[in-house]
Amino acid sequence: MKNKTDKVEKIDKIETPKITDPALLPLQPIDALQTKEEYSRCQISDIQLEYQEAEKVSFDKVLFKNVMISESSLRAIELTDVIFENCDLSNVNFSEAFIHRTEFRHCKMIGTDFTRARFQNVSVIDSLCDFASFRFGKLKLTAFGQCSLNNADYYQADFQKVTFEECKIDQAVMAGVRLKDTDLSSCEFTGLLVDLEDLPGCVISAEQAASFAGLLGLVIK
C-alpha cells in the first residue's frame, strides 16, 4: 500500500529532498541561530529553540526531527533539500523564505508566517496549518496533502501547479489567487474567501457547488 507521501508526489511530480538516508546524517547541536549562518548535511533532533531572531539562515540537506521552534523570527530563511518531521513551527516568522525540495511531514504550523515566501517542489503532508499565512507568496509545484488549512491565508499568492488533496480549507482566504486548474474537489469546506474573476477553471465537486453558488447570488432550491 502506498503511503501519503507517495500519493502526493505522484500527483504533483514534485522533486523530493536529495538526502540519501536522513537517519544517517550526523547530529548537529544548536543553542542559537545567527544571521547568515549555514548548516549542511546534518540532523537536528529532539530540541526546543526559543526566542530565536536571525535572518537568511541557510539549511542544505538537513533533517529536522521532533524540533520545536517558538517565539522566533527567522525571516528569509533558505531551505534546500530539507525534511521537517514531527516538528512544531507554530507562529514562527518565516516571511520571505526560499524553500526548495523540502517536505513538512506531520508538523504543527498553526499561524506560521510564510508571507512573500517562495516555494518550489514542496510537500506539506498530514500537517496542522490552520491560520498559516502564505500571503503574496509564490507557490510552484507545491502539494498540500491531508492537511488542516482552515482560515489559512493565501491572499494574492501566485499558484503554479499547486494541489490540495483531502485537505480541510474552511474559510481559507484565496482572494486574488488565480484558481484555474486548481483542484479542490477532495477538500472539505463550507466557505472560502475568493474573487469571482479568479474562479473560472477551478475544479470542485458537485457537493461543493452550493458554496460557490452563494458567491454568484444564486439560490439553490
Protein backbone atom coordinates (compact mmCIF):
# COMPACT_ATOMS: atom_id res chain seq x y z
CA MET A 1 0.00 0.00 0.00
CA LYS A 2 1.31 3.44 -0.91
CA ASN A 3 1.72 5.92 1.91
CA LYS A 4 0.51 9.53 1.91
CA THR A 5 3.88 10.87 0.80
CA ASP A 6 3.89 8.61 -2.27
CA LYS A 7 0.40 9.78 -3.17
CA VAL A 8 1.26 13.47 -3.07
CA GLU A 9 4.48 13.04 -5.03
CA LYS A 10 2.75 11.05 -7.74
CA ILE A 11 0.05 13.69 -8.20
CA ASP A 12 2.39 16.65 -8.47
CA LYS A 13 5.63 15.12 -9.81
CA ILE A 14 7.43 17.01 -7.10
CA GLU A 15 11.17 16.62 -6.68
CA THR A 16 11.91 15.13 -3.27
CA PRO A 17 14.73 16.28 -0.96
CA LYS A 18 18.07 14.96 -2.17
CA ILE A 19 19.02 13.18 1.05
CA THR A 20 20.09 9.58 0.55
CA ASP A 21 19.47 8.36 4.12
CA PRO A 22 18.28 11.04 6.57
CA ALA A 23 18.73 8.76 9.60
CA LEU A 24 22.49 8.57 8.94
CA LEU A 25 23.05 12.31 8.99
CA PRO A 26 25.27 13.36 11.94
CA LEU A 27 23.61 15.17 14.83
CA GLN A 28 24.17 18.91 14.94
CA PRO A 29 23.93 20.64 18.35
CA ILE A 30 22.35 24.11 18.24
CA ASP A 31 21.94 26.65 21.02
CA ALA A 32 21.16 29.75 18.97
CA LEU A 33 20.82 30.68 15.31
CA GLN A 34 22.82 33.56 13.88
CA THR A 35 22.13 35.69 10.80
CA LYS A 36 23.56 34.18 7.58
CA GLU A 37 24.71 31.05 9.41
CA GLU A 38 24.91 27.91 7.22
CA TYR A 39 24.10 24.30 8.12
CA SER A 40 24.70 21.40 5.74
CA ARG A 41 24.36 17.59 5.78
CA CYS A 42 23.23 17.21 9.38
CA GLN A 43 20.34 16.19 11.61
CA ILE A 44 18.74 18.46 14.18
CA SER A 45 16.62 16.39 16.56
CA ASP A 46 14.73 16.45 19.85
CA ILE A 47 15.39 20.06 20.82
CA GLN A 48 13.44 23.22 21.56
CA LEU A 49 14.62 26.55 20.22
CA GLU A 50 13.06 29.63 21.80
CA TYR A 51 13.33 33.36 21.12
CA GLN A 52 15.46 32.96 18.01
CA GLU A 53 15.88 36.05 15.85
CA ALA A 54 18.03 35.75 12.75
CA GLU A 55 17.83 36.37 9.00
CA LYS A 56 18.97 34.39 5.98
CA VAL A 57 19.95 31.29 7.94
CA SER A 58 20.69 28.55 5.37
CA PHE A 59 19.96 24.82 5.68
CA ASP A 60 21.05 22.37 2.96
CA LYS A 61 20.37 18.61 3.18
CA VAL A 62 19.15 18.78 6.78
CA LEU A 63 16.67 16.64 8.71
CA PHE A 64 14.67 18.35 11.47
CA LYS A 65 13.01 15.74 13.69
CA ASN A 66 10.97 16.38 16.83
CA VAL A 67 12.07 20.02 16.90
CA MET A 68 10.01 22.82 18.42
CA ILE A 69 10.71 26.45 17.50
CA SER A 70 8.76 29.04 19.47
CA GLU A 71 8.59 32.82 19.85
CA SER A 72 11.01 33.19 16.94
CA SER A 73 11.61 35.20 13.78
CA LEU A 74 13.69 33.54 11.05
CA ARG A 75 12.95 35.85 8.16
CA ALA A 76 14.34 34.98 4.71
CA ILE A 77 15.40 31.51 5.83
CA GLU A 78 16.78 29.34 2.99
CA LEU A 79 15.76 25.67 2.94
CA THR A 80 17.06 23.34 0.22
CA ASP A 81 16.73 19.54 0.41
CA VAL A 82 15.26 19.70 3.91
CA ILE A 83 12.85 17.41 5.79
CA PHE A 84 10.80 18.51 8.79
CA GLU A 85 9.30 15.54 10.65
CA ASN A 86 7.05 15.85 13.70
CA CYS A 87 8.09 19.48 14.26
CA ASP A 88 6.20 22.36 15.86
CA LEU A 89 6.78 25.60 13.96
CA SER A 90 3.64 27.40 15.07
CA ASN A 91 3.66 31.20 14.84
CA VAL A 92 7.27 31.32 13.61
CA ASN A 93 8.05 34.16 11.22
CA PHE A 94 9.37 32.58 8.00
CA SER A 95 8.41 35.56 5.84
CA GLU A 96 10.36 35.96 2.58
CA ALA A 97 11.72 32.42 2.93
CA PHE A 98 13.16 30.47 0.00
CA ILE A 99 12.00 26.84 0.27
CA HIS A 100 13.07 24.30 -2.37
CA ARG A 101 12.84 20.48 -2.42
CA THR A 102 11.51 20.44 1.13
CA GLU A 103 8.99 18.26 2.95
CA PHE A 104 6.94 19.02 6.05
CA ARG A 105 5.67 15.72 7.48
CA HIS A 106 3.27 15.52 10.43
CA CYS A 107 4.13 19.06 11.54
CA LYS A 108 2.25 21.71 13.51
CA MET A 109 2.34 25.11 11.81
CA ILE A 110 -0.59 26.99 13.30
CA GLY A 111 -0.27 30.66 12.43
CA THR A 112 3.15 30.22 10.83
CA ASP A 113 4.02 33.23 8.67
CA PHE A 114 5.20 32.41 5.13
CA THR A 115 4.31 35.86 3.73
CA ARG A 116 6.13 36.55 0.44
CA ALA A 117 7.89 33.19 0.67
CA ARG A 118 8.92 31.26 -2.45
CA PHE A 119 8.01 27.57 -2.57
CA GLN A 120 9.19 25.16 -5.26
CA ASN A 121 9.00 21.37 -5.10
CA VAL A 122 7.48 21.45 -1.61
CA SER A 123 5.20 18.86 0.03
CA VAL A 124 3.20 19.54 3.18
CA ILE A 125 1.82 16.23 4.39
CA ASP A 126 -0.60 15.39 7.21
CA SER A 127 0.12 18.69 8.97
CA LEU A 128 -1.86 21.20 11.03
CA CYS A 129 -1.60 24.60 9.31
CA ASP A 130 -4.69 26.50 10.47
CA PHE A 131 -4.29 30.29 10.24
CA ALA A 132 -0.93 29.95 8.44
CA SER A 133 -0.15 32.86 6.12
CA PHE A 134 1.07 32.44 2.53
CA ARG A 135 0.10 35.97 1.51
CA PHE A 136 1.83 37.31 -1.62
CA GLY A 137 3.86 34.08 -1.86
CA LYS A 138 4.98 32.28 -5.00
CA LEU A 139 3.99 28.61 -4.80
CA LYS A 140 5.23 26.44 -7.66
CA LEU A 141 4.93 22.65 -7.69
CA THR A 142 3.62 22.67 -4.14
CA ALA A 143 1.32 20.00 -2.69
CA PHE A 144 -0.79 20.03 0.45
CA GLY A 145 -1.94 16.53 1.34
CA GLN A 146 -4.26 15.56 4.20
CA CYS A 147 -3.65 18.92 5.94
CA SER A 148 -5.83 21.17 8.06
CA LEU A 149 -5.68 24.64 6.47
CA ASN A 150 -8.76 26.20 8.00
CA ASN A 151 -8.52 30.01 7.88
CA ALA A 152 -5.18 29.81 6.06
CA ASP A 153 -4.39 33.00 4.14
CA TYR A 154 -3.25 32.80 0.50
CA TYR A 155 -4.19 36.38 -0.37
CA GLN A 156 -2.73 37.32 -3.79
CA ALA A 157 -0.43 34.30 -3.81
CA ASP A 158 0.86 33.10 -7.18
CA PHE A 159 -0.20 29.46 -7.72
CA GLN A 160 1.68 27.39 -10.31
CA LYS A 161 0.75 23.70 -10.15
CA VAL A 162 -0.44 23.82 -6.55
CA THR A 163 -2.54 20.89 -5.35
CA PHE A 164 -4.78 20.26 -2.37
CA GLU A 165 -5.54 16.60 -1.67
CA GLU A 166 -8.08 15.77 1.04
CA CYS A 167 -7.44 18.99 2.98
CA LYS A 168 -9.68 20.98 5.32
CA ILE A 169 -9.71 24.52 3.95
CA ASP A 170 -12.79 26.06 5.56
CA GLN A 171 -12.76 29.88 5.44
CA ALA A 172 -9.36 29.93 3.76
CA VAL A 173 -8.55 33.25 2.07
CA MET A 174 -7.85 32.83 -1.63
CA ALA A 175 -8.82 36.31 -2.80
CA GLY A 176 -6.57 37.48 -5.60
CA VAL A 177 -5.41 33.94 -6.40
CA ARG A 178 -5.95 32.66 -9.94
CA LEU A 179 -7.52 29.24 -9.31
CA LYS A 180 -7.53 27.94 -12.89
CA ASP A 181 -6.67 24.21 -12.84
CA THR A 182 -6.57 24.16 -9.02
CA ASP A 183 -8.45 21.03 -7.88
CA LEU A 184 -10.32 21.48 -4.60
CA SER A 185 -12.77 18.65 -5.21
CA SER A 186 -11.42 16.37 -2.47
CA CYS A 187 -11.25 19.13 0.16
CA GLU A 188 -13.66 19.94 3.00
CA PHE A 189 -15.03 23.47 3.37
CA THR A 190 -18.29 25.33 3.84
CA GLY A 191 -16.95 28.64 2.59
CA LEU A 192 -13.90 30.31 1.04
CA LEU A 193 -12.96 33.93 0.51
CA VAL A 194 -12.33 34.22 -3.25
CA ASP A 195 -12.79 36.71 -6.09
CA LEU A 196 -15.29 35.76 -8.76
CA GLU A 197 -12.95 36.63 -11.62
CA ASP A 198 -10.42 34.08 -10.31
CA LEU A 199 -12.82 31.13 -10.22
CA PRO A 200 -13.01 30.04 -13.90
CA GLY A 201 -11.21 26.74 -14.33
CA CYS A 202 -11.21 25.87 -10.62
CA VAL A 203 -12.16 22.21 -10.11
CA ILE A 204 -14.78 21.49 -7.44
CA SER A 205 -17.18 18.66 -6.62
CA ALA A 206 -20.93 18.74 -7.15
CA GLU A 207 -21.41 18.90 -3.38
CA GLN A 208 -19.18 21.98 -3.14
CA ALA A 209 -21.04 23.82 -5.88
CA ALA A 210 -23.60 25.13 -3.38
CA SER A 211 -20.90 27.10 -1.56
CA PHE A 212 -19.83 28.82 -4.77
CA ALA A 213 -23.40 29.38 -5.89
CA GLY A 214 -23.84 31.78 -3.00
CA LEU A 215 -20.96 33.89 -4.32
CA LEU A 216 -22.82 34.23 -7.60
CA GLY A 217 -26.02 35.28 -5.87
CA LEU A 218 -27.77 32.03 -6.81
CA VAL A 219 -30.34 30.33 -4.59
CA ILE A 220 -30.36 26.55 -4.71
CA LYS A 221 -33.87 25.17 -4.19
